[in-house]
Structures are given as structure tokens and as C-alpha cells.
């Protein structure tokens, strides 16, 4: 453009106002995975996993009401990061408007989470305590 010929932008130069289409909040039930016939009952590996648990930790009520959760817990049991993430997903409502678990099931889930944490927690958090030549106070 030549000097002195530049124009200022006016309201008429702007495109017509179009309302922004905001994303609708989906129904939390729509975010679930589709039901699988394999999740309708406790599978063999989950039954074997339950048999290995201490008697007071066997999630009987959870297996009865939510067998798919027991199947997943057994699948993730030897993977601490995955299991911690799954416990977080189960115990903390991130989608909103969830009803939550019945008290008995919540107690079983929390007991399993605590047991798993105790099994996989490092024995010591002080690196110097595991060093054989370190003497405190030197």
C-alpha cells in the first residue's frame, strides 16, 4: 500500500458474528466402555488372584456386584503404576455426578489399595540407610 492509503479496520470489515459452538458435556455413562460378555463374571485369572490374597482381603462383595473391576484389578496387580492409576480412577470422581460405591465395596477397595501399597512401597526412603559403609554422625 502507498503511504497515506492505509485503511483502519471497522466493524463492517469483520465477518458476521458466529456464535462459538461450545462442546456439550457428555453423559458420563456415554464415556464408559461398551459392556463385554467377558466382564459379566469373574474370569479364571481373577479367581486365582483372589485365592492368593489373604482371607480378610478377598473382595467378595466387589466380585459379586462388579466382576469387571475384579478382573481388571487382577490384571493390573503386578504393575504398580497401572494399579495405582486404576485405584485413583475408581476412588476419585473425575467425571462428575457419579453415585459412588456402596460402603462395603469402598471398604474392600481401600483395603486392597492399602495392601498393594504396603507390598510395593520401598522398605526405606533414606538412601544412606541402605549404604553399608555409611555411619550416622560421622
C-alpha atoms as a PDB file:
ATOM      1  CA  UNK A   1       0.000   0.000   0.000  1.00  0.00           C
ATOM      2  CA  UNK A   2       1.055   3.512  -0.673  1.00  0.00           C
ATOM      3  CA  UNK A   3       1.691   5.827   2.192  1.00  0.00           C
ATOM      4  CA  UNK A   4      -1.463   7.538   3.299  1.00  0.00           C
ATOM      5  CA  UNK A   5      -3.754   4.966   1.671  1.00  0.00           C
ATOM      6  CA  UNK A   6      -3.935   2.502   4.560  1.00  0.00           C
ATOM      7  CA  UNK A   7      -7.398   1.945   5.962  1.00  0.00           C
ATOM      8  CA  UNK A   8      -8.443   1.323   9.512  1.00  0.00           C
ATOM      9  CA  UNK A   9     -10.461  -1.786  10.164  1.00  0.00           C
ATOM     10  CA  UNK A  10     -14.065  -1.065  11.060  1.00  0.00           C
ATOM     11  CA  UNK A  11     -16.869  -3.246  12.375  1.00  0.00           C
ATOM     12  CA  UNK A  12     -18.213  -3.641   8.842  1.00  0.00           C
ATOM     13  CA  UNK A  13     -14.919  -5.204   7.737  1.00  0.00           C
ATOM     14  CA  UNK A  14     -15.157  -8.033  10.296  1.00  0.00           C
ATOM     15  CA  UNK A  15     -17.037 -11.209   9.434  1.00  0.00           C
ATOM     16  CA  UNK A  16     -20.503 -11.587  10.884  1.00  0.00           C
ATOM     17  CA  UNK A  17     -20.503 -12.767  14.465  1.00  0.00           C
ATOM     18  CA  UNK A  18     -20.884 -16.512  14.617  1.00  0.00           C
ATOM     19  CA  UNK A  19     -21.658 -17.995  17.990  1.00  0.00           C
ATOM     20  CA  UNK A  20     -18.988 -20.371  19.178  1.00  0.00           C
ATOM     21  CA  UNK A  21     -20.232 -23.922  19.433  1.00  0.00           C
ATOM     22  CA  UNK A  22     -19.217 -24.983  22.910  1.00  0.00           C
ATOM     23  CA  UNK A  23     -18.612 -28.653  23.485  1.00  0.00           C
ATOM     24  CA  UNK A  24     -21.505 -30.215  25.293  1.00  0.00           C
ATOM     25  CA  UNK A  25     -20.714 -32.096  28.453  1.00  0.00           C
ATOM     26  CA  UNK A  26     -21.371 -35.697  27.646  1.00  0.00           C
ATOM     27  CA  UNK A  27     -23.320 -38.003  29.839  1.00  0.00           C
ATOM     28  CA  UNK A  28     -20.733 -39.864  31.990  1.00  0.00           C
ATOM     29  CA  UNK A  29     -22.417 -43.142  31.063  1.00  0.00           C
ATOM     30  CA  UNK A  30     -21.579 -42.414  27.412  1.00  0.00           C
ATOM     31  CA  UNK A  31     -17.865 -42.355  28.315  1.00  0.00           C
ATOM     32  CA  UNK A  32     -17.920 -45.951  29.550  1.00  0.00           C
ATOM     33  CA  UNK A  33     -16.533 -48.756  27.506  1.00  0.00           C
ATOM     34  CA  UNK A  34     -19.220 -50.890  25.908  1.00  0.00           C
ATOM     35  CA  UNK A  35     -20.196 -53.863  28.057  1.00  0.00           C
ATOM     36  CA  UNK A  36     -18.324 -57.036  27.302  1.00  0.00           C
ATOM     37  CA  UNK A  37     -19.681 -60.527  27.911  1.00  0.00           C
ATOM     38  CA  UNK A  38     -16.275 -61.347  29.441  1.00  0.00           C
ATOM     39  CA  UNK A  39     -16.856 -58.789  32.193  1.00  0.00           C
ATOM     40  CA  UNK A  40     -20.162 -60.282  33.331  1.00  0.00           C
ATOM     41  CA  UNK A  41     -18.403 -62.792  35.590  1.00  0.00           C
ATOM     42  CA  UNK A  42     -15.083 -63.127  37.368  1.00  0.00           C
ATOM     43  CA  UNK A  43     -12.608 -64.752  34.976  1.00  0.00           C
ATOM     44  CA  UNK A  44     -10.221 -67.601  35.864  1.00  0.00           C
ATOM     45  CA  UNK A  45      -7.153 -65.452  36.386  1.00  0.00           C
ATOM     46  CA  UNK A  46      -9.103 -63.142  38.702  1.00  0.00           C
ATOM     47  CA  UNK A  47     -10.387 -66.147  40.669  1.00  0.00           C
ATOM     48  CA  UNK A  48      -6.795 -67.400  41.024  1.00  0.00           C
ATOM     49  CA  UNK A  49      -5.676 -63.927  42.120  1.00  0.00           C
ATOM     50  CA  UNK A  50      -8.428 -63.801  44.737  1.00  0.00           C
ATOM     51  CA  UNK A  51      -7.349 -67.221  46.038  1.00  0.00           C
ATOM     52  CA  UNK A  52      -3.814 -65.878  46.608  1.00  0.00           C
ATOM     53  CA  UNK A  53      -4.981 -62.881  48.652  1.00  0.00           C
ATOM     54  CA  UNK A  54      -5.085 -63.030  52.449  1.00  0.00           C
ATOM     55  CA  UNK A  55      -8.542 -64.206  53.543  1.00  0.00           C
ATOM     56  CA  UNK A  56      -9.539 -60.853  55.081  1.00  0.00           C
ATOM     57  CA  UNK A  57      -8.750 -59.011  51.811  1.00  0.00           C
ATOM     58  CA  UNK A  58     -10.715 -61.128  49.338  1.00  0.00           C
ATOM     59  CA  UNK A  59     -13.139 -58.696  47.640  1.00  0.00           C
ATOM     60  CA  UNK A  60     -16.225 -60.899  47.707  1.00  0.00           C
ATOM     61  CA  UNK A  61     -18.825 -58.131  47.522  1.00  0.00           C
ATOM     62  CA  UNK A  62     -16.883 -56.388  44.756  1.00  0.00           C
ATOM     63  CA  UNK A  63     -16.700 -59.643  42.771  1.00  0.00           C
ATOM     64  CA  UNK A  64     -20.423 -60.157  43.199  1.00  0.00           C
ATOM     65  CA  UNK A  65     -21.509 -56.640  42.164  1.00  0.00           C
ATOM     66  CA  UNK A  66     -18.673 -55.525  39.858  1.00  0.00           C
ATOM     67  CA  UNK A  67     -16.844 -58.556  38.408  1.00  0.00           C
ATOM     68  CA  UNK A  68     -15.236 -56.448  35.668  1.00  0.00           C
ATOM     69  CA  UNK A  69     -13.424 -54.392  38.332  1.00  0.00           C
ATOM     70  CA  UNK A  70     -12.066 -57.563  39.960  1.00  0.00           C
ATOM     71  CA  UNK A  71     -10.921 -58.787  36.533  1.00  0.00           C
ATOM     72  CA  UNK A  72      -9.025 -55.541  35.972  1.00  0.00           C
ATOM     73  CA  UNK A  73      -7.538 -55.468  39.462  1.00  0.00           C
ATOM     74  CA  UNK A  74      -6.150 -58.970  38.936  1.00  0.00           C
ATOM     75  CA  UNK A  75      -4.754 -57.968  35.534  1.00  0.00           C
ATOM     76  CA  UNK A  76      -3.013 -54.860  36.917  1.00  0.00           C
ATOM     77  CA  UNK A  77      -1.917 -56.321  40.289  1.00  0.00           C
ATOM     78  CA  UNK A  78       1.730 -56.869  39.272  1.00  0.00           C
ATOM     79  CA  UNK A  79       2.000 -53.434  37.668  1.00  0.00           C
ATOM     80  CA  UNK A  80       2.101 -50.868  40.494  1.00  0.00           C
ATOM     81  CA  UNK A  81       1.783 -47.771  38.306  1.00  0.00           C
ATOM     82  CA  UNK A  82      -1.183 -49.095  36.375  1.00  0.00           C
ATOM     83  CA  UNK A  83      -2.891 -50.318  39.529  1.00  0.00           C
ATOM     84  CA  UNK A  84      -2.341 -47.005  41.346  1.00  0.00           C
ATOM     85  CA  UNK A  85      -3.853 -45.176  38.377  1.00  0.00           C
ATOM     86  CA  UNK A  86      -6.795 -47.585  38.340  1.00  0.00           C
ATOM     87  CA  UNK A  87      -7.411 -47.139  42.066  1.00  0.00           C
ATOM     88  CA  UNK A  88      -7.357 -43.354  41.535  1.00  0.00           C
ATOM     89  CA  UNK A  89      -9.871 -43.732  38.709  1.00  0.00           C
ATOM     90  CA  UNK A  90     -12.133 -45.873  40.893  1.00  0.00           C
ATOM     91  CA  UNK A  91     -11.926 -43.900  44.126  1.00  0.00           C
ATOM     92  CA  UNK A  92     -11.828 -40.300  42.874  1.00  0.00           C
ATOM     93  CA  UNK A  93     -14.704 -38.963  40.791  1.00  0.00           C
ATOM     94  CA  UNK A  94     -13.180 -37.092  37.858  1.00  0.00           C
ATOM     95  CA  UNK A  95     -16.202 -37.137  35.561  1.00  0.00           C
ATOM     96  CA  UNK A  96     -18.695 -35.665  37.998  1.00  0.00           C
ATOM     97  CA  UNK A  97     -22.142 -36.771  39.005  1.00  0.00           C
ATOM     98  CA  UNK A  98     -21.125 -40.314  39.923  1.00  0.00           C
ATOM     99  CA  UNK A  99     -23.111 -42.044  42.631  1.00  0.00           C
ATOM    100  CA  UNK A 100     -20.085 -43.706  44.187  1.00  0.00           C
ATOM    101  CA  UNK A 101     -19.699 -47.211  45.524  1.00  0.00           C
ATOM    102  CA  UNK A 102     -21.681 -48.779  48.342  1.00  0.00           C
ATOM    103  CA  UNK A 103     -19.841 -48.678  51.670  1.00  0.00           C
ATOM    104  CA  UNK A 104     -18.887 -52.391  51.700  1.00  0.00           C
ATOM    105  CA  UNK A 105     -17.285 -52.137  48.273  1.00  0.00           C
ATOM    106  CA  UNK A 106     -15.486 -48.928  49.153  1.00  0.00           C
ATOM    107  CA  UNK A 107     -14.032 -50.625  52.240  1.00  0.00           C
ATOM    108  CA  UNK A 108     -12.838 -53.570  50.134  1.00  0.00           C
ATOM    109  CA  UNK A 109     -11.246 -51.285  47.518  1.00  0.00           C
ATOM    110  CA  UNK A 110      -9.457 -49.200  50.126  1.00  0.00           C
ATOM    111  CA  UNK A 111      -8.170 -52.310  51.903  1.00  0.00           C
ATOM    112  CA  UNK A 112      -6.828 -53.704  48.623  1.00  0.00           C
ATOM    113  CA  UNK A 113      -5.192 -50.376  47.764  1.00  0.00           C
ATOM    114  CA  UNK A 114      -3.517 -50.185  51.186  1.00  0.00           C
ATOM    115  CA  UNK A 115      -2.335 -53.802  50.941  1.00  0.00           C
ATOM    116  CA  UNK A 116      -0.910 -53.266  47.465  1.00  0.00           C
ATOM    117  CA  UNK A 117       0.825 -50.058  48.557  1.00  0.00           C
ATOM    118  CA  UNK A 118       2.389 -51.888  51.518  1.00  0.00           C
ATOM    119  CA  UNK A 119       3.651 -54.665  49.219  1.00  0.00           C
ATOM    120  CA  UNK A 120       5.201 -52.286  46.704  1.00  0.00           C
ATOM    121  CA  UNK A 121       6.385 -49.447  48.918  1.00  0.00           C
ATOM    122  CA  UNK A 122      10.154 -49.195  49.243  1.00  0.00           C
ATOM    123  CA  UNK A 123      11.375 -50.573  52.568  1.00  0.00           C
ATOM    124  CA  UNK A 124      13.285 -47.387  53.274  1.00  0.00           C
ATOM    125  CA  UNK A 125      13.154 -43.890  51.891  1.00  0.00           C
ATOM    126  CA  UNK A 126      16.622 -42.902  53.151  1.00  0.00           C
ATOM    127  CA  UNK A 127      19.246 -43.938  50.612  1.00  0.00           C
ATOM    128  CA  UNK A 128      22.005 -43.681  53.201  1.00  0.00           C
ATOM    129  CA  UNK A 129      20.421 -46.352  55.390  1.00  0.00           C
ATOM    130  CA  UNK A 130      20.862 -48.861  52.570  1.00  0.00           C
ATOM    131  CA  UNK A 131      24.552 -47.956  52.083  1.00  0.00           C
ATOM    132  CA  UNK A 132      26.678 -50.488  54.010  1.00  0.00           C
ATOM    133  CA  UNK A 133      29.572 -48.109  54.800  1.00  0.00           C
ATOM    134  CA  UNK A 134      27.557 -45.151  55.997  1.00  0.00           C
ATOM    135  CA  UNK A 135      27.746 -44.458  59.718  1.00  0.00           C
ATOM    136  CA  UNK A 136      25.384 -41.913  61.203  1.00  0.00           C
ATOM    137  CA  UNK A 137      27.096 -38.984  62.926  1.00  0.00           C
ATOM    138  CA  UNK A 138      30.398 -39.184  61.022  1.00  0.00           C
END
